[in-house]
Each structure stands twice: as C-alpha cells, then as structure tokens.
Amino acid sequence: MTLRNQRLAEIREHIKAESSHDMQALLAGMTSDCFNDVAAVPKPFRGPKRVAERYRKHWAGFPDFKVRVKRLLAVGENTIVTENEWSGTHLGKFLGYSPTGKYVRVRALVVWHFKGKRLWGETVFFDMGSLLKRIGARISIPRNRRRTKRRD
C-alpha cells in the first residue's frame, strides 16, 4: 500500500472513531505529540490529554455527532486536505453556549498533518458565525461606552 493510501486509511479510521465517540481508537491513531487546531478557537489543543478534552467537549455539546468526508481536495508531502461535513444535535454546552436542541450540519475544511504514516494532527476551518446561527445561539455585543469620533 502506498503512503498516500495508508494516510487516507488513517483518516478513515480517525473519522470512524470520531463519529462513534471512541476516544481510545481516536488517540491510538495519532502520534504522542498530537494536536487539534480549531481555527475558531484561540489556542490549539496539544498532546493526547488536551486533544481528548477537545473531543469530549464537542461530543458533550453534540451527543449524536457524526462526521463524513465529502471530498478529497489536495494531497501534499505531509498533509491531506478534505472537505468534511459534521452533523449533530446541540444537546449540551458547546463553546460556552447553552444547548438549544437544534440539529445542524456544518461544512468544514480539514488539513490533516502527518509524521510518516501516523496522523500528527488536524487543523479545522469552519464558519463559526453560521454554526452559532444554526444552533440558535443568542449573541450579545456590548455597546461601546465611549463615543468615538466619526471621521468623514
């Protein structure tokens, strides 16, 4: 099996574990210095404990969470890029937002990073604004107490 095919198989196994909420299988497929970088979150999750924490919180927010690859976009020397779709019902706290009971589908772009055959980590890009709108999150933006001078 070619390295490319081995890596694609690793992605399939990772997604299977992610969708079945199998933390042991998910982490077993990653390197010991693994990471998960969600572009909409300030800092990446580094190391197995933090990566596990990220998934546990995601699964708590969406207990029926599932993910699927819609298409393979690019294959680089140490990366593979896919367009994914994840779905689930917002039944638990997610990124500080209380559950709304809304079912959502979210499109995401995922850059899978590899060290040899092993999955090192993933960088996930998705539209946080659309997700929050779909779950029905209420967002309040505090008014600026100072008046700013308008420049024309």
N, C-alpha and C. Protein backbone atom coordinates (compact mmCIF):
# COMPACT_ATOMS: atom_id res chain seq x y z
N MET A 1 0.84 -1.18 0.00
CA MET A 1 0.00 0.00 0.00
C MET A 1 0.89 1.24 0.00
N THR A 2 0.54 2.21 -0.82
CA THR A 2 1.33 3.44 -0.90
C THR A 2 1.15 4.28 0.37
N LEU A 3 2.08 5.18 0.60
CA LEU A 3 2.00 6.07 1.76
C LEU A 3 0.71 6.89 1.71
N ARG A 4 0.35 7.37 0.54
CA ARG A 4 -0.89 8.14 0.37
C ARG A 4 -2.10 7.33 0.82
N ASN A 5 -2.17 6.09 0.37
CA ASN A 5 -3.30 5.22 0.74
C ASN A 5 -3.29 4.88 2.22
N GLN A 6 -2.10 4.71 2.81
CA GLN A 6 -2.02 4.46 4.25
C GLN A 6 -2.55 5.66 5.03
N ARG A 7 -2.19 6.85 4.57
CA ARG A 7 -2.67 8.06 5.24
C ARG A 7 -4.18 8.23 5.09
N LEU A 8 -4.70 7.94 3.91
CA LEU A 8 -6.14 8.02 3.72
C LEU A 8 -6.87 7.00 4.61
N ALA A 9 -6.26 5.83 4.78
CA ALA A 9 -6.84 4.83 5.68
C ALA A 9 -6.82 5.34 7.12
N GLU A 10 -5.76 6.03 7.52
CA GLU A 10 -5.68 6.62 8.86
C GLU A 10 -6.80 7.64 9.07
N ILE A 11 -7.05 8.46 8.05
CA ILE A 11 -8.13 9.45 8.14
C ILE A 11 -9.47 8.75 8.30
N ARG A 12 -9.69 7.70 7.51
CA ARG A 12 -10.96 6.96 7.62
C ARG A 12 -11.14 6.38 9.02
N GLU A 13 -10.07 5.82 9.58
CA GLU A 13 -10.16 5.25 10.93
C GLU A 13 -10.40 6.35 11.98
N HIS A 14 -9.74 7.48 11.80
CA HIS A 14 -9.92 8.60 12.72
C HIS A 14 -11.38 9.08 12.70
N ILE A 15 -11.92 9.24 11.52
CA ILE A 15 -13.30 9.71 11.38
C ILE A 15 -14.29 8.69 11.94
N LYS A 16 -14.00 7.42 11.73
CA LYS A 16 -14.85 6.36 12.29
C LYS A 16 -14.85 6.45 13.82
N ALA A 17 -13.66 6.63 14.41
CA ALA A 17 -13.56 6.76 15.87
C ALA A 17 -14.22 8.04 16.36
N GLU A 18 -14.05 9.12 15.62
CA GLU A 18 -14.64 10.41 15.98
C GLU A 18 -16.17 10.31 15.96
N SER A 19 -16.71 9.68 14.93
CA SER A 19 -18.16 9.57 14.78
C SER A 19 -18.79 8.57 15.75
N SER A 20 -18.02 7.59 16.19
CA SER A 20 -18.54 6.61 17.15
C SER A 20 -18.16 6.98 18.59
N HIS A 21 -17.47 8.09 18.74
CA HIS A 21 -17.05 8.63 20.04
C HIS A 21 -16.14 7.63 20.78
N ASP A 22 -15.26 7.01 20.03
CA ASP A 22 -14.32 6.03 20.57
C ASP A 22 -12.97 6.71 20.80
N MET A 23 -12.82 7.27 21.99
CA MET A 23 -11.61 8.04 22.31
C MET A 23 -10.35 7.19 22.22
N GLN A 24 -10.42 5.97 22.70
CA GLN A 24 -9.24 5.10 22.69
C GLN A 24 -8.75 4.88 21.26
N ALA A 25 -9.64 4.56 20.35
CA ALA A 25 -9.25 4.33 18.96
C ALA A 25 -8.79 5.63 18.31
N LEU A 26 -9.45 6.73 18.64
CA LEU A 26 -9.09 8.03 18.06
C LEU A 26 -7.65 8.38 18.43
N LEU A 27 -7.31 8.31 19.70
CA LEU A 27 -5.96 8.67 20.14
C LEU A 27 -4.92 7.64 19.72
N ALA A 28 -5.32 6.38 19.61
CA ALA A 28 -4.38 5.32 19.20
C ALA A 28 -3.87 5.56 17.78
N GLY A 29 -4.66 6.26 16.97
CA GLY A 29 -4.26 6.53 15.60
C GLY A 29 -3.42 7.78 15.43
N MET A 30 -3.12 8.46 16.56
CA MET A 30 -2.37 9.72 16.48
C MET A 30 -1.01 9.58 17.16
N THR A 31 -0.11 10.48 16.81
CA THR A 31 1.22 10.48 17.42
C THR A 31 1.13 10.93 18.87
N SER A 32 2.16 10.67 19.64
CA SER A 32 2.16 11.04 21.07
C SER A 32 2.23 12.55 21.29
N ASP A 33 2.62 13.30 20.26
CA ASP A 33 2.65 14.76 20.36
C ASP A 33 1.55 15.39 19.50
N CYS A 34 0.41 14.70 19.44
CA CYS A 34 -0.69 15.10 18.56
C CYS A 34 -1.25 16.48 18.92
N PHE A 35 -2.01 17.03 17.98
CA PHE A 35 -2.66 18.32 18.21
C PHE A 35 -3.97 18.38 17.45
N ASN A 36 -4.81 19.30 17.87
CA ASN A 36 -6.06 19.60 17.19
C ASN A 36 -6.20 21.11 17.23
N ASP A 37 -6.18 21.72 16.07
CA ASP A 37 -6.22 23.18 15.96
C ASP A 37 -7.52 23.58 15.28
N VAL A 38 -8.45 24.10 16.05
CA VAL A 38 -9.72 24.58 15.51
C VAL A 38 -9.56 26.08 15.31
N ALA A 39 -9.60 26.51 14.06
CA ALA A 39 -9.30 27.90 13.74
C ALA A 39 -10.18 28.90 14.48
N ALA A 40 -11.41 28.51 14.84
CA ALA A 40 -12.33 29.40 15.53
C ALA A 40 -12.08 29.47 17.05
N VAL A 41 -11.12 28.70 17.54
CA VAL A 41 -10.79 28.65 18.97
C VAL A 41 -9.40 29.27 19.14
N PRO A 42 -9.20 30.10 20.19
CA PRO A 42 -7.95 30.85 20.32
C PRO A 42 -6.64 30.04 20.30
N LYS A 43 -6.60 28.88 20.98
CA LYS A 43 -5.34 28.14 21.06
C LYS A 43 -5.54 26.69 20.63
N PRO A 44 -4.53 26.10 19.98
CA PRO A 44 -4.63 24.68 19.62
C PRO A 44 -4.61 23.79 20.86
N PHE A 45 -5.19 22.62 20.73
CA PHE A 45 -5.14 21.60 21.77
C PHE A 45 -3.92 20.75 21.46
N ARG A 46 -2.98 20.69 22.40
CA ARG A 46 -1.71 19.97 22.16
C ARG A 46 -1.56 18.83 23.14
N GLY A 47 -1.19 17.66 22.62
CA GLY A 47 -0.99 16.47 23.43
C GLY A 47 -2.28 15.68 23.58
N PRO A 48 -2.14 14.38 23.85
CA PRO A 48 -3.30 13.50 23.93
C PRO A 48 -4.36 13.93 24.95
N LYS A 49 -3.94 14.43 26.11
CA LYS A 49 -4.92 14.84 27.13
C LYS A 49 -5.77 16.01 26.66
N ARG A 50 -5.14 17.00 26.06
CA ARG A 50 -5.87 18.19 25.59
C ARG A 50 -6.71 17.86 24.35
N VAL A 51 -6.19 17.02 23.46
CA VAL A 51 -6.95 16.60 22.29
C VAL A 51 -8.20 15.83 22.75
N ALA A 52 -8.03 14.94 23.73
CA ALA A 52 -9.16 14.20 24.27
C ALA A 52 -10.18 15.15 24.89
N GLU A 53 -9.71 16.16 25.61
CA GLU A 53 -10.59 17.16 26.22
C GLU A 53 -11.41 17.86 25.14
N ARG A 54 -10.79 18.23 24.04
CA ARG A 54 -11.49 18.89 22.94
C ARG A 54 -12.61 18.02 22.40
N TYR A 55 -12.32 16.73 22.17
CA TYR A 55 -13.35 15.83 21.64
C TYR A 55 -14.45 15.58 22.67
N ARG A 56 -14.10 15.40 23.91
CA ARG A 56 -15.12 15.18 24.95
C ARG A 56 -16.10 16.35 25.01
N LYS A 57 -15.56 17.56 24.95
CA LYS A 57 -16.42 18.75 24.98
C LYS A 57 -17.30 18.82 23.74
N HIS A 58 -16.73 18.49 22.60
CA HIS A 58 -17.51 18.52 21.37
C HIS A 58 -18.63 17.48 21.43
N TRP A 59 -18.31 16.27 21.87
CA TRP A 59 -19.30 15.21 21.97
C TRP A 59 -20.35 15.52 23.03
N ALA A 60 -19.97 16.21 24.09
CA ALA A 60 -20.94 16.61 25.12
C ALA A 60 -21.93 17.62 24.54
N GLY A 61 -21.44 18.52 23.70
CA GLY A 61 -22.30 19.51 23.07
C GLY A 61 -23.22 18.90 22.01
N PHE A 62 -22.69 17.89 21.31
CA PHE A 62 -23.43 17.23 20.24
C PHE A 62 -23.31 15.71 20.44
N PRO A 63 -24.14 15.13 21.32
CA PRO A 63 -24.01 13.70 21.65
C PRO A 63 -24.19 12.75 20.47
N ASP A 64 -24.88 13.21 19.41
CA ASP A 64 -25.07 12.39 18.22
C ASP A 64 -24.15 12.83 17.08
N PHE A 65 -23.04 13.45 17.44
CA PHE A 65 -22.07 13.98 16.48
C PHE A 65 -21.59 12.90 15.51
N LYS A 66 -21.61 13.24 14.22
CA LYS A 66 -21.08 12.38 13.16
C LYS A 66 -20.31 13.26 12.19
N VAL A 67 -19.30 12.69 11.56
CA VAL A 67 -18.53 13.44 10.56
C VAL A 67 -18.34 12.55 9.34
N ARG A 68 -18.29 13.18 8.18
CA ARG A 68 -18.01 12.42 6.95
C ARG A 68 -17.18 13.31 6.02
N VAL A 69 -16.34 12.66 5.24
CA VAL A 69 -15.57 13.37 4.23
C VAL A 69 -16.43 13.46 2.98
N LYS A 70 -16.62 14.69 2.50
CA LYS A 70 -17.39 14.88 1.28
C LYS A 70 -16.50 14.72 0.06
N ARG A 71 -15.26 15.25 0.16
CA ARG A 71 -14.33 15.07 -0.95
C ARG A 71 -12.90 15.36 -0.53
N LEU A 72 -12.00 14.73 -1.24
CA LEU A 72 -10.57 14.91 -1.06
C LEU A 72 -10.17 16.09 -1.95
N LEU A 73 -9.52 17.10 -1.35
CA LEU A 73 -9.19 18.30 -2.11
C LEU A 73 -7.73 18.37 -2.54
N ALA A 74 -6.81 17.93 -1.68
CA ALA A 74 -5.39 18.04 -2.02
C ALA A 74 -4.58 17.05 -1.20
N VAL A 75 -3.47 16.63 -1.79
CA VAL A 75 -2.53 15.75 -1.09
C VAL A 75 -1.15 16.38 -1.23
N GLY A 76 -0.54 16.71 -0.10
CA GLY A 76 0.80 17.27 -0.10
C GLY A 76 1.80 16.28 0.46
N GLU A 77 3.01 16.75 0.67
CA GLU A 77 4.07 15.87 1.19
C GLU A 77 3.72 15.31 2.57
N ASN A 78 3.22 16.18 3.46
CA ASN A 78 2.88 15.74 4.82
C ASN A 78 1.47 16.14 5.25
N THR A 79 0.65 16.51 4.27
CA THR A 79 -0.72 16.92 4.58
C THR A 79 -1.70 16.37 3.55
N ILE A 80 -2.93 16.24 3.99
CA ILE A 80 -4.06 15.92 3.11
C ILE A 80 -5.15 16.91 3.50
N VAL A 81 -5.84 17.47 2.51
CA VAL A 81 -6.91 18.42 2.77
C VAL A 81 -8.22 17.81 2.30
N THR A 82 -9.22 17.83 3.18
CA THR A 82 -10.54 17.31 2.84
C THR A 82 -11.62 18.34 3.13
N GLU A 83 -12.72 18.22 2.40
CA GLU A 83 -13.93 18.96 2.74
C GLU A 83 -14.80 17.98 3.50
N ASN A 84 -15.16 18.35 4.71
CA ASN A 84 -15.95 17.48 5.57
C ASN A 84 -17.30 18.10 5.87
N GLU A 85 -18.18 17.26 6.36
CA GLU A 85 -19.45 17.75 6.89
C GLU A 85 -19.65 17.03 8.21
N TRP A 86 -19.94 17.81 9.25
CA TRP A 86 -20.30 17.17 10.50
C TRP A 86 -21.71 17.59 10.86
N SER A 87 -22.37 16.70 11.61
CA SER A 87 -23.75 16.96 11.98
C SER A 87 -23.97 16.51 13.41
N GLY A 88 -24.99 17.08 14.01
CA GLY A 88 -25.35 16.70 15.36
C GLY A 88 -26.42 17.63 15.92
N THR A 89 -26.96 17.21 17.05
CA THR A 89 -27.99 17.98 17.73
C THR A 89 -27.38 18.65 18.94
N HIS A 90 -27.56 19.94 19.07
CA HIS A 90 -26.97 20.72 20.16
C HIS A 90 -27.73 20.46 21.46
N LEU A 91 -27.30 19.41 22.18
CA LEU A 91 -27.98 18.99 23.40
C LEU A 91 -27.17 19.25 24.67
N GLY A 92 -25.97 19.77 24.52
CA GLY A 92 -25.12 20.07 25.67
C GLY A 92 -24.38 21.37 25.42
N LYS A 93 -23.71 21.86 26.44
CA LYS A 93 -22.95 23.11 26.32
C LYS A 93 -21.85 22.93 25.26
N PHE A 94 -21.72 23.93 24.40
CA PHE A 94 -20.70 23.89 23.35
C PHE A 94 -20.07 25.27 23.25
N LEU A 95 -18.75 25.33 23.50
CA LEU A 95 -18.00 26.59 23.45
C LEU A 95 -18.69 27.67 24.28
N GLY A 96 -19.26 27.25 25.40
CA GLY A 96 -19.90 28.18 26.32
C GLY A 96 -21.36 28.48 26.01
N TYR A 97 -21.89 27.95 24.92
CA TYR A 97 -23.28 28.20 24.54
C TYR A 97 -24.17 27.08 25.07
N SER A 98 -25.23 27.47 25.75
CA SER A 98 -26.18 26.50 26.32
C SER A 98 -26.91 25.75 25.21
N PRO A 99 -27.33 24.51 25.51
CA PRO A 99 -27.99 23.69 24.49
C PRO A 99 -29.29 24.33 23.99
N THR A 100 -29.51 24.18 22.68
CA THR A 100 -30.72 24.71 22.06
C THR A 100 -31.60 23.62 21.48
N GLY A 101 -31.08 22.39 21.39
CA GLY A 101 -31.86 21.29 20.83
C GLY A 101 -31.92 21.30 19.31
N LYS A 102 -31.19 22.20 18.68
CA LYS A 102 -31.23 22.31 17.22
C LYS A 102 -30.25 21.33 16.57
N TYR A 103 -30.73 20.72 15.49
CA TYR A 103 -29.90 19.84 14.69
C TYR A 103 -29.19 20.68 13.64
N VAL A 104 -27.88 20.46 13.46
CA VAL A 104 -27.11 21.24 12.50
C VAL A 104 -26.23 20.35 11.63
N ARG A 105 -25.95 20.88 10.46
CA ARG A 105 -24.92 20.32 9.57
C ARG A 105 -23.93 21.44 9.32
N VAL A 106 -22.66 21.13 9.47
CA VAL A 106 -21.62 22.15 9.34
C VAL A 106 -20.59 21.67 8.33
N ARG A 107 -20.29 22.51 7.35
CA ARG A 107 -19.22 22.22 6.39
C ARG A 107 -17.91 22.69 7.00
N ALA A 108 -16.87 21.92 6.77
CA ALA A 108 -15.55 22.27 7.31
C ALA A 108 -14.47 21.87 6.32
N LEU A 109 -13.39 22.60 6.36
CA LEU A 109 -12.19 22.27 5.62
C LEU A 109 -11.19 21.76 6.66
N VAL A 110 -10.62 20.59 6.43
CA VAL A 110 -9.70 19.99 7.40
C VAL A 110 -8.35 19.73 6.73
N VAL A 111 -7.30 20.23 7.36
CA VAL A 111 -5.94 19.93 6.93
C VAL A 111 -5.42 18.87 7.90
N TRP A 112 -5.18 17.69 7.38
CA TRP A 112 -4.67 16.57 8.17
C TRP A 112 -3.15 16.58 8.05
N HIS A 113 -2.46 16.60 9.19
CA HIS A 113 -1.00 16.66 9.23
C HIS A 113 -0.45 15.29 9.63
N PHE A 114 0.59 14.86 8.93
CA PHE A 114 1.17 13.54 9.18
C PHE A 114 2.65 13.62 9.50
N LYS A 115 3.08 12.65 10.31
CA LYS A 115 4.50 12.36 10.53
C LYS A 115 4.67 10.93 10.05
N GLY A 116 5.24 10.77 8.88
CA GLY A 116 5.32 9.43 8.29
C GLY A 116 3.92 8.92 8.00
N LYS A 117 3.60 7.72 8.46
CA LYS A 117 2.28 7.13 8.25
C LYS A 117 1.27 7.59 9.30
N ARG A 118 1.76 8.13 10.40
CA ARG A 118 0.90 8.44 11.55
C ARG A 118 0.28 9.83 11.46
N LEU A 119 -0.94 9.92 11.93
CA LEU A 119 -1.63 11.20 11.99
C LEU A 119 -1.08 12.02 13.15
N TRP A 120 -0.56 13.17 12.84
CA TRP A 120 0.01 14.07 13.85
C TRP A 120 -1.08 14.97 14.40
N GLY A 121 -1.91 15.52 13.52
CA GLY A 121 -2.96 16.40 13.99
C GLY A 121 -3.82 16.91 12.86
N GLU A 122 -4.75 17.76 13.24
CA GLU A 122 -5.63 18.34 12.24
C GLU A 122 -5.88 19.80 12.54
N THR A 123 -5.99 20.58 11.48
CA THR A 123 -6.39 21.97 11.56
C THR A 123 -7.75 22.07 10.90
N VAL A 124 -8.73 22.58 11.65
CA VAL A 124 -10.11 22.58 11.20
C VAL A 124 -10.59 24.02 11.00
N PHE A 125 -11.14 24.30 9.82
CA PHE A 125 -11.68 25.61 9.50
C PHE A 125 -13.18 25.47 9.23
N PHE A 126 -13.99 26.27 9.91
CA PHE A 126 -15.42 26.32 9.61
C PHE A 126 -15.94 27.69 10.01
N ASP A 127 -17.12 28.01 9.54
CA ASP A 127 -17.72 29.30 9.78
C ASP A 127 -18.45 29.28 11.12
N MET A 128 -17.82 29.83 12.15
CA MET A 128 -18.39 29.83 13.49
C MET A 128 -19.69 30.62 13.54
N GLY A 129 -19.78 31.73 12.81
CA GLY A 129 -20.99 32.54 12.80
C GLY A 129 -22.19 31.74 12.29
N SER A 130 -21.99 30.98 11.22
CA SER A 130 -23.07 30.15 10.68
C SER A 130 -23.48 29.07 11.67
N LEU A 131 -22.49 28.46 12.31
CA LEU A 131 -22.80 27.43 13.30
C LEU A 131 -23.64 28.02 14.44
N LEU A 132 -23.22 29.15 14.97
CA LEU A 132 -23.95 29.77 16.08
C LEU A 132 -25.37 30.15 15.65
N LYS A 133 -25.51 30.63 14.44
CA LYS A 133 -26.85 30.96 13.92
C LYS A 133 -27.70 29.70 13.82
N ARG A 134 -27.12 28.62 13.32
CA ARG A 134 -27.88 27.37 13.14
C ARG A 134 -28.32 26.76 14.47
N ILE A 135 -27.48 26.88 15.50
CA ILE A 135 -27.90 26.31 16.79
C ILE A 135 -28.83 27.26 17.54
N GLY A 136 -29.00 28.46 17.01
CA GLY A 136 -29.90 29.41 17.65
C GLY A 136 -29.29 30.11 18.84
N ALA A 137 -27.95 30.21 18.84
CA ALA A 137 -27.27 30.88 19.96
C ALA A 137 -27.58 32.36 19.94
N ARG A 138 -27.77 32.90 21.11
CA ARG A 138 -28.01 34.33 21.23
C ARG A 138 -26.66 34.99 21.51
N ILE A 139 -26.34 35.94 20.68
CA ILE A 139 -25.06 36.62 20.80
C ILE A 139 -25.33 38.07 21.15
N SER A 140 -24.73 38.53 22.23
CA SER A 140 -24.90 39.94 22.57
C SER A 140 -23.55 40.63 22.49
N ILE A 141 -23.55 41.76 21.84
CA ILE A 141 -22.33 42.53 21.68
C ILE A 141 -22.48 43.78 22.54
N PRO A 142 -21.62 43.92 23.54
CA PRO A 142 -21.76 45.09 24.43
C PRO A 142 -21.53 46.39 23.66
N ARG A 143 -22.35 47.36 24.00
CA ARG A 143 -22.18 48.67 23.36
C ARG A 143 -20.93 49.33 23.91
N ASN A 144 -20.26 50.02 23.04
CA ASN A 144 -19.07 50.76 23.45
C ASN A 144 -19.53 51.94 24.29
N ARG A 145 -19.03 52.07 25.48
CA ARG A 145 -19.46 53.15 26.38
C ARG A 145 -18.89 54.50 25.98
N ARG A 146 -17.79 54.47 25.29
CA ARG A 146 -17.21 55.74 24.82
C ARG A 146 -17.72 56.04 23.44
N ARG A 147 -17.96 57.28 23.22
CA ARG A 147 -18.36 57.68 21.87
C ARG A 147 -17.10 57.90 21.05
N THR A 148 -17.10 57.31 19.89
CA THR A 148 -15.94 57.52 19.02
C THR A 148 -16.28 58.64 18.05
N LYS A 149 -15.28 59.39 17.73
CA LYS A 149 -15.47 60.47 16.78
C LYS A 149 -15.55 59.90 15.39
N ARG A 150 -16.52 60.36 14.68
CA ARG A 150 -16.69 59.90 13.31
C ARG A 150 -15.78 60.71 12.38
N ARG A 151 -15.09 60.01 11.56
CA ARG A 151 -14.19 60.67 10.61
C ARG A 151 -14.78 60.56 9.22
N ASP A 152 -15.04 61.68 8.64
CA ASP A 152 -15.59 61.70 7.27
C ASP A 152 -14.58 62.17 6.29
